[in-house]
């Protein structure tokens, strides 16, 4: 039993060495080239849509944290198994390490922006892990032989170790395991810290001076925020703005290295540096963004003040061909989104954004530049860390999520949400204020209605709407006097074209969830 414990520890430590060495080597290559990053990205790309959306619905924006935790647990278990079988069926444990190294190398080289050097972290980490595994298991094997000899009464006395000598041998084995474990931890942490610091752009971002937008600054009238307790603020802070993307770690892109290439079906290819944008005319607009993975009543939606440059002007300067109908935007991490060209050129405030709520884009939200397009779900438009706009056609190119069965064009549906009161709560009889937000970007909200149980739909009061491209707050005062018991509250919105939110329930795949948001409350 003690021998098995030592073997398990040897495997886990050797696995740590594998990952630690890979982290150190990745400092010279790319932070995305480590085994965990590469395998994690492969998992993201190949996870079935239904399971992915179930996870997002369960943990929200903590999905990446959960992925790393699960990968860590699996890595520990596999490394422990490798340690056990290396002793019993050598070199089976080493073969398991080699298989892991091969698979992680293939995953790394398969990334859209990978070069041949991305193989080095996995390969060198694998080699180091195997060497440590074989060395530690060799020591455990010798200790096991000493222990067996000491327990054998027929062994000649001079060849047997005394209990004290056996204890010394065990301490030597344990010390070797501890030293290797500490080295793995130090190497891995050092590699991660050095890699993050060497690529960190937070200091650069803090020094960025945003351009002054032309025209009047979009104002938020006092009536736009009803300031009801429990109601989402009209403007979402950068810290509270939802983040859904495929990047396992936030890309660190310097504005000095960044450029935007506009190419494809155009008369002239254009490449703009960050400095070139200074010659363009900046605009600032209030725009609400929504994720297609947002369930009915969900919180994957946010409203911000965006500063940037009109996409129609940037694209028109390249001279798009008359038969082009799609803009395939590409992120620095290889993610792609396909937007209808006609939407980007129809006069709406689609922009290449560089600022968010009065400051440079946070790195997690696309610094130094991203796309913001009112009226389209983010999966077809809101590309962060954007580096390319390829003018093409929908029958010639497919974007990241379209390849996985999602709708190609992704217009935002008319939706609303109930923020207060909280569901399943108990409320005293009397006046109850029901409030939330509603959105139908680029169409606006004409009205919101509330229904209690199976009663009639009643109009809610709307806050001032500064723009048709943002959500609007709403509230309804329900006289719950004498209404003790359990009740279901429903809501529905009508957009500026007169179309009312559908009651047909649909999951988020392939083009966004539908149905009425509801909550259950107890009056008493």
Protein backbone atom coordinates (compact mmCIF):
# COMPACT_ATOMS: atom_id res chain seq x y z
CA UNK A 1 0.00 0.00 0.00
CA UNK A 2 2.82 2.41 0.87
CA UNK A 3 4.57 1.48 -2.37
CA UNK A 4 1.40 2.28 -4.35
CA UNK A 5 1.17 5.67 -2.66
CA UNK A 6 4.75 6.48 -3.65
CA UNK A 7 4.08 5.40 -7.22
CA UNK A 8 0.98 7.58 -7.38
CA UNK A 9 2.98 10.54 -6.08
CA UNK A 10 5.72 9.88 -8.66
CA UNK A 11 3.19 9.99 -11.50
CA UNK A 12 1.56 13.19 -10.28
CA UNK A 13 4.91 14.91 -9.79
CA UNK A 14 6.12 13.80 -13.23
CA UNK A 15 2.90 15.20 -14.71
CA UNK A 16 3.59 18.46 -12.92
CA UNK A 17 7.08 18.52 -14.42
CA UNK A 18 5.56 18.01 -17.87
CA UNK A 19 3.27 20.99 -17.47
CA UNK A 20 5.88 23.12 -15.69
CA UNK A 21 8.51 22.67 -18.39
CA UNK A 22 5.87 23.36 -21.05
CA UNK A 23 4.99 26.64 -19.32
CA UNK A 24 8.64 27.69 -19.26
CA UNK A 25 9.17 26.85 -22.93
CA UNK A 26 5.96 28.66 -23.90
CA UNK A 27 7.52 31.92 -22.73
CA UNK A 28 9.65 31.76 -25.89
CA UNK A 29 6.82 30.59 -28.13
CA UNK A 30 3.26 31.61 -27.19
CA UNK A 31 1.13 31.33 -24.05
CA UNK A 32 -1.47 29.49 -26.15
CA UNK A 33 1.01 26.73 -27.06
CA UNK A 34 1.03 24.98 -23.66
CA UNK A 35 -0.62 21.54 -23.43
CA UNK A 36 -3.53 22.71 -21.27
CA UNK A 37 -4.21 25.71 -23.50
CA UNK A 38 -4.00 23.67 -26.69
CA UNK A 39 -6.10 20.78 -25.44
CA UNK A 40 -8.58 23.19 -23.84
CA UNK A 41 -9.00 25.08 -27.11
CA UNK A 42 -9.56 21.79 -28.92
CA UNK A 43 -12.25 20.88 -26.41
CA UNK A 44 -13.96 24.25 -26.90
CA UNK A 45 -13.94 23.75 -30.67
CA UNK A 46 -15.35 20.22 -30.55
CA UNK A 47 -17.81 20.30 -27.63
CA UNK A 48 -21.37 19.47 -28.82
CA UNK A 49 -23.54 22.59 -28.91
CA UNK A 50 -26.21 21.23 -26.58
CA UNK A 51 -23.69 20.33 -23.90
CA UNK A 52 -21.85 23.65 -24.31
CA UNK A 53 -25.04 25.68 -23.90
CA UNK A 54 -26.04 23.58 -20.88
CA UNK A 55 -22.71 24.39 -19.24
CA UNK A 56 -23.05 28.12 -20.03
CA UNK A 57 -26.56 28.08 -18.62
CA UNK A 58 -25.26 26.37 -15.48
CA UNK A 59 -22.13 28.41 -14.72
CA UNK A 60 -22.45 31.42 -17.07
CA UNK A 61 -19.20 33.25 -17.77
CA UNK A 62 -17.29 30.88 -15.44
CA UNK A 63 -17.31 28.19 -18.13
CA UNK A 64 -13.58 28.57 -18.84
CA UNK A 65 -12.69 28.28 -15.15
CA UNK A 66 -14.72 25.08 -14.98
CA UNK A 67 -12.93 23.74 -18.06
CA UNK A 68 -9.49 24.31 -16.53
CA UNK A 69 -10.55 22.72 -13.24
CA UNK A 70 -11.87 19.64 -15.06
CA UNK A 71 -8.72 19.37 -17.18
CA UNK A 72 -6.59 19.67 -14.05
CA UNK A 73 -8.49 16.87 -12.32
CA UNK A 74 -8.21 14.60 -15.37
CA UNK A 75 -4.48 15.38 -15.69
CA UNK A 76 -3.86 14.45 -12.05
CA UNK A 77 -5.78 11.18 -12.38
CA UNK A 78 -4.00 10.17 -15.60
CA UNK A 79 -0.60 11.07 -14.17
CA UNK A 80 -1.33 9.01 -11.05
CA UNK A 81 -2.33 6.01 -13.19
CA UNK A 82 0.86 6.42 -15.22
CA UNK A 83 2.91 6.30 -12.03
CA UNK A 84 1.23 3.09 -10.87
CA UNK A 85 1.50 1.21 -14.15
CA UNK A 86 5.07 2.36 -14.80
CA UNK A 87 6.15 0.34 -11.76
CA UNK A 88 4.02 -2.68 -12.57
CA UNK A 89 4.24 -2.77 -16.37
CA UNK A 90 7.15 -0.64 -17.35
CA UNK A 91 7.23 1.31 -19.70
CA UNK A 92 3.42 1.61 -19.94
CA UNK A 93 3.41 4.76 -17.80
CA UNK A 94 5.99 6.39 -20.05
CA UNK A 95 3.88 5.46 -23.05
CA UNK A 96 0.88 7.22 -21.50
CA UNK A 97 2.99 10.37 -21.08
CA UNK A 98 4.14 10.07 -24.71
CA UNK A 99 0.55 9.74 -25.92
CA UNK A 100 -0.44 12.85 -23.96
CA UNK A 101 2.52 14.74 -25.41
CA UNK A 102 1.64 13.66 -28.95
CA UNK A 103 -2.03 14.61 -28.62
CA UNK A 104 -1.26 18.00 -27.07
CA UNK A 105 1.30 18.66 -29.83
CA UNK A 106 -1.29 17.88 -32.49
CA UNK A 107 -3.80 20.13 -30.71
CA UNK A 108 -1.28 22.98 -30.51
CA UNK A 109 -0.25 22.73 -34.17
CA UNK A 110 -3.92 22.66 -35.15
CA UNK A 111 -4.63 26.13 -33.78
CA UNK A 112 -5.42 28.72 -36.49
CA UNK A 113 -2.46 30.98 -35.67
CA UNK A 114 0.06 28.25 -34.78
CA UNK A 115 3.56 27.89 -36.21
CA UNK A 116 5.81 24.83 -36.11
CA UNK A 117 7.45 26.16 -32.92
CA UNK A 118 4.19 25.52 -31.04
CA UNK A 119 5.21 21.86 -30.86
CA UNK A 120 8.14 22.58 -28.55
CA UNK A 121 6.30 23.12 -25.21
CA UNK A 122 4.42 19.80 -25.43
CA UNK A 123 7.38 17.80 -26.75
CA UNK A 124 9.97 19.13 -24.31
CA UNK A 125 7.49 18.90 -21.43
CA UNK A 126 6.72 15.29 -22.36
CA UNK A 127 10.42 14.37 -22.50
CA UNK A 128 11.10 15.98 -19.13
CA UNK A 129 8.08 14.26 -17.60
CA UNK A 130 9.11 10.82 -18.84
CA UNK A 131 12.67 11.24 -17.58
CA UNK A 132 11.45 12.29 -14.12
CA UNK A 133 8.86 9.49 -14.04
CA UNK A 134 11.42 6.81 -14.87
CA UNK A 135 13.94 8.21 -12.39
CA UNK A 136 11.47 8.43 -9.51
CA UNK A 137 9.88 5.05 -10.24
CA UNK A 138 13.39 3.55 -10.35
CA UNK A 139 14.04 4.81 -6.83
CA UNK A 140 10.66 3.49 -5.65
CA UNK A 141 11.47 0.12 -7.22
CA UNK A 142 14.80 -0.10 -5.40
CA UNK A 143 13.13 0.87 -2.15
CA UNK A 144 10.52 -1.85 -2.70
CA UNK A 145 13.24 -4.41 -3.22
CA UNK A 146 15.01 -3.33 -0.03
CA UNK A 147 11.75 -3.53 1.89
CA UNK A 148 11.00 -7.01 0.53
CA UNK A 149 14.48 -8.20 1.44
CA UNK A 150 14.16 -6.80 4.96
CA UNK A 151 10.91 -8.69 5.43
CA UNK A 152 12.33 -11.96 4.19
CA UNK A 153 13.55 -13.95 7.19
CA UNK A 154 15.53 -16.33 4.98
CA UNK A 155 17.70 -13.55 3.56
CA UNK A 156 21.20 -13.51 4.95
CA UNK A 157 21.67 -10.97 7.71
CA UNK A 158 24.39 -8.89 5.95
CA UNK A 159 22.12 -8.44 2.92
CA UNK A 160 19.12 -7.18 4.90
CA UNK A 161 18.56 -3.55 5.85
CA UNK A 162 17.75 -2.68 9.40
CA UNK A 163 14.53 -0.77 10.07
CA UNK A 164 16.57 2.42 10.55
CA UNK A 165 18.36 1.94 7.23
CA UNK A 166 15.04 1.21 5.53
CA UNK A 167 13.59 4.43 6.95
CA UNK A 168 16.56 6.35 5.54
CA UNK A 169 15.97 4.86 2.09
CA UNK A 170 12.31 5.81 2.24
CA UNK A 171 13.17 9.38 3.22
CA UNK A 172 15.52 9.58 0.23
CA UNK A 173 12.71 8.48 -2.08
CA UNK A 174 10.24 10.94 -0.57
CA UNK A 175 12.82 13.73 -0.71
CA UNK A 176 13.37 13.09 -4.42
CA UNK A 177 9.62 13.25 -5.04
CA UNK A 178 9.29 16.49 -3.05
CA UNK A 179 12.25 18.14 -4.80
CA UNK A 180 10.85 17.24 -8.22
CA UNK A 181 7.39 18.46 -7.18
CA UNK A 182 8.70 21.79 -5.91
CA UNK A 183 10.77 22.23 -9.08
CA UNK A 184 7.69 21.52 -11.20
CA UNK A 185 5.57 24.01 -9.27
CA UNK A 186 8.23 26.72 -9.32
CA UNK A 187 8.91 26.20 -13.03
CA UNK A 188 5.24 26.22 -13.96
CA UNK A 189 4.39 29.28 -11.87
CA UNK A 190 7.50 31.12 -13.05
CA UNK A 191 6.74 30.32 -16.66
CA UNK A 192 3.17 31.51 -16.33
CA UNK A 193 4.15 34.73 -14.53
CA UNK A 194 6.99 35.54 -16.92
CA UNK A 195 4.76 34.84 -19.91
CA UNK A 196 1.95 37.03 -18.61
CA UNK A 197 4.22 39.90 -17.67
CA UNK A 198 6.18 39.84 -20.90
CA UNK A 199 2.96 40.18 -22.90
CA UNK A 200 0.88 42.25 -20.50
CA UNK A 201 -0.51 45.38 -22.16
CA UNK A 202 -2.26 46.88 -19.13
CA UNK A 203 0.39 49.58 -18.69
CA UNK A 204 0.19 50.49 -22.36
CA UNK A 205 -3.60 50.57 -22.20
CA UNK A 206 -3.50 52.90 -19.19
CA UNK A 207 -1.50 55.43 -21.21
CA UNK A 208 -3.79 55.41 -24.26
CA UNK A 209 -5.43 58.75 -25.00
CA UNK A 210 -8.81 58.19 -26.61
CA UNK A 211 -9.82 60.47 -29.50
CA UNK A 212 -12.52 63.06 -29.02
CA UNK A 213 -15.71 61.98 -30.84
CA UNK A 214 -17.35 64.28 -33.33
CA UNK A 215 -20.80 65.68 -32.71
CA UNK A 216 -22.73 65.78 -29.47
CA UNK A 217 -21.84 63.19 -26.85
CA UNK A 218 -24.69 60.67 -26.51
CA UNK A 219 -26.49 61.72 -23.36
CA UNK A 220 -28.29 59.49 -20.89
CA UNK A 221 -31.36 61.41 -19.79
CA UNK A 222 -32.36 61.11 -16.14
CA UNK A 223 -35.52 59.30 -17.16
CA UNK A 224 -33.52 56.50 -18.80
CA UNK A 225 -32.71 54.96 -15.43
CA UNK A 226 -35.72 54.30 -13.18
CA UNK A 227 -33.40 53.54 -10.23
CA UNK A 228 -35.66 50.86 -8.83
CA UNK A 229 -34.00 48.55 -6.27
CA UNK A 230 -33.03 45.29 -7.95
CA UNK A 231 -33.37 46.71 -11.47
CA UNK A 232 -30.31 46.49 -13.74
CA UNK A 233 -28.72 49.94 -14.26
CA UNK A 234 -29.21 51.45 -17.71
CA UNK A 235 -25.46 51.55 -18.31
CA UNK A 236 -23.46 48.39 -17.61
CA UNK A 237 -20.05 48.93 -16.05
CA UNK A 238 -17.02 47.42 -17.75
CA UNK A 239 -16.47 45.13 -14.76
CA UNK A 240 -20.05 43.79 -14.93
CA UNK A 241 -20.28 43.46 -18.71
CA UNK A 242 -20.69 39.84 -19.73
CA UNK A 243 -17.84 38.04 -21.47
CA UNK A 244 -18.48 35.11 -23.79
CA UNK A 245 -15.80 34.13 -26.31
CA UNK A 246 -13.67 31.19 -27.33
CA UNK A 247 -10.37 32.51 -25.91
CA UNK A 248 -9.22 30.45 -22.91
CA UNK A 249 -6.86 33.24 -21.88
CA UNK A 250 -7.32 36.89 -22.76
CA UNK A 251 -5.10 37.80 -25.75
CA UNK A 252 -2.59 40.54 -24.97
CA UNK A 253 -2.30 42.64 -28.12
CA UNK A 254 -0.18 45.80 -28.23
CA UNK A 255 -1.60 48.69 -30.23
CA UNK A 256 1.84 49.11 -31.77
CA UNK A 257 1.68 45.58 -33.20
CA UNK A 258 -2.01 45.66 -34.12
CA UNK A 259 -3.34 46.28 -37.60
CA UNK A 260 -6.62 45.78 -39.44
CA UNK A 261 -6.50 44.23 -42.89
CA UNK A 262 -9.52 44.75 -45.19
CA UNK A 263 -9.26 42.41 -48.16
CA UNK A 264 -11.06 39.86 -50.30
CA UNK A 265 -13.68 40.97 -52.82
CA UNK A 266 -12.51 44.58 -52.88
CA UNK A 267 -10.99 46.94 -55.44
CA UNK A 268 -8.07 47.74 -53.15
CA UNK A 269 -6.72 46.00 -50.08
CA UNK A 270 -6.30 48.24 -47.04
CA UNK A 271 -4.21 47.75 -43.94
CA UNK A 272 -4.72 50.20 -41.06
CA UNK A 273 -2.44 50.55 -38.05
CA UNK A 274 -3.66 51.91 -34.74
CA UNK A 275 -1.86 55.17 -35.54
CA UNK A 276 -3.67 55.37 -38.91
CA UNK A 277 -7.00 55.56 -37.08
CA UNK A 278 -6.07 59.03 -35.83
CA UNK A 279 -6.83 60.34 -39.33
CA UNK A 280 -10.37 58.90 -39.17
CA UNK A 281 -13.46 60.53 -37.69
CA UNK A 282 -14.41 58.95 -34.34
CA UNK A 283 -17.98 58.50 -33.12
CA UNK A 284 -19.44 57.58 -29.73
CA UNK A 285 -22.70 55.69 -29.38
CA UNK A 286 -24.79 53.84 -26.82
CA UNK A 287 -25.26 50.23 -27.95
CA UNK A 288 -26.58 47.12 -26.21
CA UNK A 289 -24.86 43.84 -27.05
CA UNK A 290 -26.46 40.44 -26.55
CA UNK A 291 -25.12 36.88 -26.72
CA UNK A 292 -27.05 34.30 -28.72
CA UNK A 293 -26.42 31.87 -25.83
CA UNK A 294 -28.55 34.02 -23.54
CA UNK A 295 -31.52 31.96 -22.32
CA UNK A 296 -34.92 33.60 -21.91
CA UNK A 297 -34.58 35.93 -18.94
CA UNK A 298 -30.78 35.50 -18.89
CA UNK A 299 -28.04 38.03 -18.12
CA UNK A 300 -25.75 37.63 -21.15
CA UNK A 301 -26.64 41.11 -22.36
CA UNK A 302 -25.17 44.51 -21.50
CA UNK A 303 -25.34 48.17 -22.47
CA UNK A 304 -22.30 50.42 -22.86
CA UNK A 305 -21.05 53.65 -24.40
CA UNK A 306 -18.76 52.71 -27.29
CA UNK A 307 -16.17 54.92 -29.01
CA UNK A 308 -14.82 54.02 -32.42
CA UNK A 309 -14.84 54.44 -36.19
CA UNK A 310 -17.66 53.78 -38.61
CA UNK A 311 -17.33 50.43 -40.34
CA UNK A 312 -19.20 51.60 -43.43
CA UNK A 313 -16.53 54.24 -44.05
CA UNK A 314 -13.66 51.78 -43.53
CA UNK A 315 -15.22 49.14 -45.79
CA UNK A 316 -16.33 51.57 -48.48
CA UNK A 317 -12.78 52.89 -48.75
CA UNK A 318 -11.69 49.41 -49.90
CA UNK A 319 -14.31 49.33 -52.66
CA UNK A 320 -16.34 46.16 -51.98
CA UNK A 321 -17.51 44.32 -55.09
CA UNK A 322 -21.25 44.50 -55.94
CA UNK A 323 -21.71 40.73 -55.59
CA UNK A 324 -20.15 40.54 -52.10
CA UNK A 325 -22.64 39.98 -49.28
CA UNK A 326 -20.57 38.98 -46.22
CA UNK A 327 -17.85 40.38 -44.01
CA UNK A 328 -15.81 37.63 -42.37
CA UNK A 329 -14.10 39.22 -39.38
CA UNK A 330 -11.16 37.42 -37.83
CA UNK A 331 -9.70 37.71 -34.33
CA UNK A 332 -6.03 37.40 -33.50
CA UNK A 333 -6.78 34.02 -31.89
CA UNK A 334 -8.35 32.67 -35.08
CA UNK A 335 -12.03 33.13 -34.19
CA UNK A 336 -14.22 34.24 -37.11
CA UNK A 337 -17.65 35.84 -37.38
CA UNK A 338 -19.74 36.38 -40.50
CA UNK A 339 -21.77 39.60 -40.75
CA UNK A 340 -24.13 40.58 -43.58
CA UNK A 341 -22.35 43.28 -45.61
CA UNK A 342 -25.65 45.07 -46.22
CA UNK A 343 -26.18 45.46 -42.47
CA UNK A 344 -22.76 47.03 -41.97
CA UNK A 345 -23.41 49.49 -44.80
CA UNK A 346 -27.07 50.42 -44.13
CA UNK A 347 -26.27 53.50 -42.05
CA UNK A 348 -26.52 52.03 -38.56
CA UNK A 349 -23.72 52.84 -36.11
CA UNK A 350 -21.66 49.71 -36.73
CA UNK A 351 -18.13 50.50 -35.63
CA UNK A 352 -14.58 49.45 -35.05
CA UNK A 353 -14.59 50.24 -31.33
CA UNK A 354 -11.53 51.35 -29.36
CA UNK A 355 -13.22 52.72 -26.24
CA UNK A 356 -15.83 51.49 -23.76
CA UNK A 357 -17.59 53.65 -21.18
CA UNK A 358 -15.05 56.46 -21.42
CA UNK A 359 -11.86 54.38 -21.27
CA UNK A 360 -9.82 52.24 -23.68
CA UNK A 361 -11.32 48.83 -24.29
CA UNK A 362 -10.56 46.46 -21.40
CA UNK A 363 -8.30 43.64 -22.58
CA UNK A 364 -11.06 41.12 -21.83
CA UNK A 365 -13.37 43.05 -24.15
CA UNK A 366 -11.07 43.31 -27.13
CA UNK A 367 -8.27 45.85 -26.58
CA UNK A 368 -7.04 47.45 -28.73
CA UNK A 369 -9.98 47.11 -31.16
CA UNK A 370 -13.19 45.12 -31.63
CA UNK A 371 -16.40 45.24 -33.64
CA UNK A 372 -19.73 46.56 -32.34
CA UNK A 373 -22.80 46.15 -34.57
CA UNK A 374 -26.27 47.15 -33.31
CA UNK A 375 -28.95 44.59 -34.07
CA UNK A 376 -26.81 41.48 -34.54
CA UNK A 377 -25.96 38.84 -31.96
CA UNK A 378 -22.34 38.87 -30.91
CA UNK A 379 -21.50 35.52 -32.49
CA UNK A 380 -21.90 37.03 -35.98
CA UNK A 381 -20.58 40.51 -35.33
CA UNK A 382 -18.85 41.40 -32.05
CA UNK A 383 -15.36 40.10 -32.89
CA UNK A 384 -12.82 41.04 -30.21
CA UNK A 385 -9.12 41.60 -30.88
CA UNK A 386 -10.13 41.93 -34.53
CA UNK A 387 -7.34 41.92 -37.13
CA UNK A 388 -9.06 41.16 -40.45
CA UNK A 389 -12.20 42.01 -42.40
CA UNK A 390 -12.52 39.77 -45.42
CA UNK A 391 -15.18 40.88 -47.89
CA UNK A 392 -16.67 37.69 -49.32
CA UNK A 393 -19.93 35.79 -49.78
CA UNK A 394 -22.00 33.53 -47.53
CA UNK A 395 -21.87 30.79 -50.18
CA UNK A 396 -18.06 30.88 -50.15
CA UNK A 397 -17.10 31.19 -46.50
CA UNK A 398 -18.33 29.92 -43.14
CA UNK A 399 -17.63 31.50 -39.76
CA UNK A 400 -16.69 29.69 -36.55
CA UNK A 401 -20.19 29.14 -35.17
CA UNK A 402 -21.88 28.70 -38.56
CA UNK A 403 -19.72 25.63 -39.14
CA UNK A 404 -21.18 24.24 -35.92
CA UNK A 405 -24.80 24.53 -36.97
CA UNK A 406 -25.73 28.05 -35.89
CA UNK A 407 -27.66 30.46 -38.10
CA UNK A 408 -25.50 32.41 -40.54
CA UNK A 409 -26.87 35.94 -40.06
CA UNK A 410 -28.02 36.22 -36.43
CA UNK A 411 -30.40 39.21 -36.13
CA UNK A 412 -31.30 39.96 -32.50
CA UNK A 413 -34.80 39.00 -31.46
CA UNK A 414 -37.23 41.09 -29.44
CA UNK A 415 -36.67 40.09 -25.83
CA UNK A 416 -37.27 41.22 -22.26
CA UNK A 417 -36.24 40.18 -18.77
CA UNK A 418 -37.72 40.45 -15.27
CA UNK A 419 -35.11 41.70 -12.79
CA UNK A 420 -37.24 42.30 -9.71
CA UNK A 421 -38.76 40.89 -7.58
CA UNK A 422 -36.54 37.85 -7.37
CA UNK A 423 -38.19 34.55 -8.23
CA UNK A 424 -39.29 32.13 -5.50
CA UNK A 425 -39.33 34.90 -2.92
CA UNK A 426 -42.04 35.78 -0.39
CA UNK A 427 -43.44 39.31 -0.60
CA UNK A 428 -45.75 41.16 1.75
CA UNK A 429 -49.23 42.00 0.38
CA UNK A 430 -49.63 45.49 -1.06
CA UNK A 431 -47.96 47.34 -3.90
CA UNK A 432 -45.31 45.24 -5.68
CA UNK A 433 -43.12 46.82 -8.34
CA UNK A 434 -42.19 44.43 -11.14
CA UNK A 435 -39.35 45.75 -13.28
CA UNK A 436 -36.81 44.70 -15.88
CA UNK A 437 -35.25 45.55 -19.21
CA UNK A 438 -36.31 44.95 -22.82
CA UNK A 439 -34.30 45.12 -26.03
CA UNK A 440 -34.69 44.95 -29.80
CA UNK A 441 -31.57 46.69 -31.06
CA UNK A 442 -31.98 48.92 -34.11
CA UNK A 443 -35.77 48.57 -33.90
CA UNK A 444 -36.36 49.94 -30.43
CA UNK A 445 -39.01 49.01 -27.88
CA UNK A 446 -42.57 50.29 -28.27
CA UNK A 447 -44.00 48.68 -25.16
CA UNK A 448 -43.78 46.02 -22.45
CA UNK A 449 -46.71 44.16 -20.92
CA UNK A 450 -47.04 42.16 -17.71
CA UNK A 451 -49.45 39.37 -16.85
CA UNK A 452 -50.17 37.87 -13.46
CA UNK A 453 -51.02 34.18 -13.66
CA UNK A 454 -53.56 33.77 -16.51
CA UNK A 455 -54.96 37.27 -16.21
CA UNK A 456 -55.00 40.01 -18.83
CA UNK A 457 -51.85 41.62 -20.18
CA UNK A 458 -51.28 45.02 -18.60
CA UNK A 459 -49.01 47.76 -20.02
CA UNK A 460 -45.86 48.59 -18.06
CA UNK A 461 -44.37 52.06 -18.00
CA UNK A 462 -41.22 52.57 -20.02
CA UNK A 463 -38.18 54.59 -19.12
CA UNK A 464 -36.80 57.12 -21.60
CA UNK A 465 -35.00 55.38 -24.46
CA UNK A 466 -31.91 57.41 -25.51
CA UNK A 467 -31.44 55.20 -28.57
CA UNK A 468 -33.20 52.45 -30.49
CA UNK A 469 -29.90 50.57 -30.30
CA UNK A 470 -30.08 50.09 -26.53
CA UNK A 471 -32.29 48.31 -24.08
CA UNK A 472 -34.96 50.18 -22.14
CA UNK A 473 -36.02 49.78 -18.54
CA UNK A 474 -39.65 49.09 -17.70
CA UNK A 475 -41.77 48.81 -14.55
CA UNK A 476 -45.27 47.71 -13.57
CA UNK A 477 -46.93 48.40 -10.22
CA UNK A 478 -49.00 45.42 -9.14
CA UNK A 479 -51.55 45.83 -6.39
CA UNK A 480 -51.08 42.51 -4.62
CA UNK A 481 -53.39 43.39 -1.72
CA UNK A 482 -55.51 40.36 -0.95
CA UNK A 483 -53.52 38.22 -3.40
CA UNK A 484 -51.94 35.86 -0.89
CA UNK A 485 -50.55 32.66 -2.28
CA UNK A 486 -48.24 31.65 -5.12
CA UNK A 487 -48.38 33.58 -8.41
CA UNK A 488 -46.57 33.46 -11.74
CA UNK A 489 -45.51 36.74 -13.32
CA UNK A 490 -45.00 36.93 -17.08
CA UNK A 491 -43.66 39.67 -19.35
CA UNK A 492 -43.46 40.33 -23.07
CA UNK A 493 -42.12 43.17 -25.22
CA UNK A 494 -43.18 44.75 -28.49
CA UNK A 495 -40.53 46.31 -30.72
CA UNK A 496 -40.64 49.53 -32.72
CA UNK A 497 -42.03 47.78 -35.79
CA UNK A 498 -45.02 46.50 -33.82
CA UNK A 499 -43.82 42.90 -33.59
CA UNK A 500 -44.50 41.32 -30.20
CA UNK A 501 -42.15 38.86 -28.59
CA UNK A 502 -43.27 35.32 -29.36
CA UNK A 503 -44.50 32.90 -26.71
CA UNK A 504 -43.10 29.94 -28.65
CA UNK A 505 -40.39 28.36 -26.54
CA UNK A 506 -37.13 27.64 -28.33
CA UNK A 507 -33.64 26.84 -27.12
CA UNK A 508 -30.70 29.09 -27.96
CA UNK A 509 -29.58 26.89 -30.88
CA UNK A 510 -29.56 27.83 -33.76
CA UNK A 511 -30.44 31.53 -33.61
CA UNK A 512 -31.39 32.54 -30.06
CA UNK A 513 -33.89 31.51 -27.40
CA UNK A 514 -37.54 32.58 -27.51
CA UNK A 515 -40.47 32.53 -25.11
CA UNK A 516 -41.85 34.70 -22.31
CA UNK A 517 -39.71 35.32 -19.21
CA UNK A 518 -41.50 34.44 -15.98
CA UNK A 519 -40.97 34.12 -12.26
CA UNK A 520 -42.88 32.66 -9.36
CA UNK A 521 -43.52 34.71 -6.21
CA UNK A 522 -45.38 34.09 -2.98
CA UNK A 523 -47.53 36.81 -1.50
CA UNK A 524 -48.06 36.37 2.20
